[in-house]
Structure formats: C-alpha cells, structure tokens
C-alpha cells in the first residue's frame, strides 16, 4: 500500500494493495489481485477441506481476525505518515502535542522484599509532549510536561486538567494546537471532545484537530521518553534511594532532556450529571472544531484524516448530548513545573519515506469478495460487531446437564464440547429440539466451565454439611 509524503493515499490497480479502496475512497477499477494475498484465502479453503466441516466456523473466525489484523496495519501505515505530516505543517504560531499515560509508578526501595511489593497504590503519570518550531535555528523544540498525581483516575477530566496545566504554563502560548494520542477511553470519549470545543473561548487557542492513532503505534517520541523515566527510576533505586513520594519521582527524572515535572490534582467532581454519547465515536479518528462564523460551536469528525465525509454535530445536537451537565473549565491545583537542564531538539527535515510493497499480480479471484470497499474501516470490522445475545433454551440446558452428569458418573462416557454439540444436533434431527437452539462449540465450552465450577462448589458445601451432621 502506498501513501505519499504529504499523507495522500494512492490508488493501486491491485485490489488488495489499494489503500484508497481499503478506506472506501476509491471509484477506480481494480482488475488484478496479489498472488500472495490470494494464497492466504486458498490456504483456509484447503484447510477446511482437509480437516472437515466441524471446524469450518472456527476457521472462518480465525480468517476474520486475520483480516482485522491486516486492516489495523493498513490504518497504522496511513496514520504513521500523518504523524509526520502534522509535524511538517507546524509553524512558529502553533504546537503539535502528543499525549499518553505511563504505567502507574509504584513505590520502590533498594531493600524491598517480595512481600512488600504487593498491595501498593502508586501514582499516575500523564505526559504531554509538545513540539514547537524554532524558525531561527530551523529546528523543532520538544518539551515534555510530566504530571504525577495521587489521583489514579485516568479519565477525560484528568486529561483535560493536564492539558489545561500545560496551556497555562507555556509562554508564549500557541495560537493553534494539533493533538495526537492513542484511542484509549480517557482520550477517545464524548466528554473530552466537548471540552476541547471550548478551548477557543477559554484559552483563545484554536484546537485545529485531534487525530487518534492505532493502539500502541506511532508514538515513538513519547514512548522513548517513558522508557527513559523507567530507566532513571531504576538507576535512582540502585543508588540506594527510595521512591516513597512524588518528590522522589521528580528528583529521579529531573535530568531527562526537555522534561518538566509537576504534581497535579485534577479536583474531580464526583457529583457530575451523566453525559450522553456521540454515536459511533469509536469509529471516527479525526476530529476538528470549525472557526468559521457559520460553524462556530460545531464539532466535525471523520473515519480517518483525509478519508470519508465529515460528520457534524450542531450546537443543538450537542446540547442534547450534554443533557443537564455543564461543560466546565478545568481548575486543577498544581505545583510549578521543574526546569529542564537539557534541551531536546529535532531537525525539521523529517524522513518521509513512502511505504510501498512490491506486488505480484494476477486475475481476480477470492480477494475481490474479501477486500470490499472500505474493508479496513473500524465500522466495517465484524470483530467489533457483537452478535445479539441468545440465551440457551431450558431444554438445551437440561440436555447439557444430563450429559455433564453422565460423564461425571462414568469417566468413559465423558463428552467434549464438540461431542456435546454433535449430540444436540442429533437430537435436533430427531425433532426433540430446534436446530437454531443448538449453541456454538465455544458457548458450550464456556457453559461447561461455569457449570463445573458451580457444581464443585455445591458438592463441597454438601460435604461440609454432612461432616457437621
């Protein structure tokens, strides 16, 4: 799949390698397919024929998961380019921000026993990595604002409070900001998108866009910073010091280039009214807040940067989502940030190598059916769509219990989940139960596990009662 250096998806006549087709944004023909991609589906068909129909459903699930993994990597390839594209768009008036939570920092001691390790509460650490452009020296200046807190609620309000603290600290303040993050619930949520929509009024800063990246991908700079924090704390402990509080964290990591550390208390309000939810929010990875006079107060979002039509939420729709809750400006308490002794800079000449695969092409086959338009979009992934819950009928439960107890009484007659399903299908052929009521093998496996545990508990209680009597 090919993406240009400025983030534009390129058409490819091979259906499995056209990233525009994968995102549902290509109207051109795709007369050829890749032999390597096609061989993947041929392999599944041959496997089904070799091992029998009873595993057909399981193999279909595995194939669907594999396609979802391929879709994830297609989105990752595209979004990785857009991380660098956003940095290319940076000017002296703006800032690009990447945010991420580090794993909770636990108290540590150089003389700690294994028993003392368990049961620790620890501290949250949220990092805000800020890129600004230094036109005089033709470089990007990087600062990281690390906020540790005794409040371990990693939610939208904590995130908004951390960003508020950075904005209040930056001098000079940028006129616009682009934000990038993973798609964790503390970022990719209705509350935070509504809060960001107030930034122009609160801070006189335009939130140009928020791009949500694939989980665990394309945050190399902030991941590198978190790795440095972990190593700095380990070194601090090896020198004989203890990490018993936030001051120890600050002292341990103060020499990391570009780091500014502060204690943050987001002042959570536990009595807030509940918000509604923006429909389909998890499928939308680019968000923006228009500044045009006609569209002030609107929120726009689409599937991917540059891909798909914008969905819009008017102030009237937003008011219905907000319900009775008031979108308040964060008012956290925080200590002054420490000053870094080392600068962190980066050259503005960012490597923007195109990502392109070499394709072997042939005539159309099964790939034409699998790789339909928009197959990589989250809204199209079958693995994200739950089947409606269907409960076992009392008759099926009774038959399963009977088979379970028969196997318990006589080990030679013990049945696997697959054998139980086959017996239920036989009963369905005899008309004793409906075929639609026969559960999947995985459902029967889960039922066996649950029923077995409850049965053992019941037997244990009965044994105890008999001993008491």
Foldseek 3Di string as FASTA:
>chain_A
DWADLLLHFDADLALVFRLCQQQQNDPDHNFKHFPVVVVVVVVLVVVCVVPHVLCNVVSVVVVLVVLLVVLQVSQQQRVLSVVLNVLLPADQQEKEKEKDKDPFDWWDALPDDPVVRPPTQGKTKIKIWIWHADPVVQWIFIAIEIAIESDPPLAQLVVLQSVVVVQVQDPPHHQEYEYEYACDRRPLWDLNLLLLLCCCVVPVHFHAKYFHHHPPGNPVVVVVVSVLLVVLLVVLNVVGDIRDDPVSSCVSRQAPANYWYKYKDQPDDPPFDDFAGDPPSSLWGMKGADPDPVRRQKIWTHRHVVGDDIDIDHNVNRCNRRPPGDSDRTDMDMDGIDDHPHIDMGRSPDDSDIDDDDGDIDGDDCVPVQSGRNNSGPVNRPVVDDDPDDDADPVLVVLLVVQCVVCVVPVVSRDQLSVSLVVVVVCCVVVNDPNVNRDRSVVSVVVCVVVVVVVVVVVVVVVVVVVVD
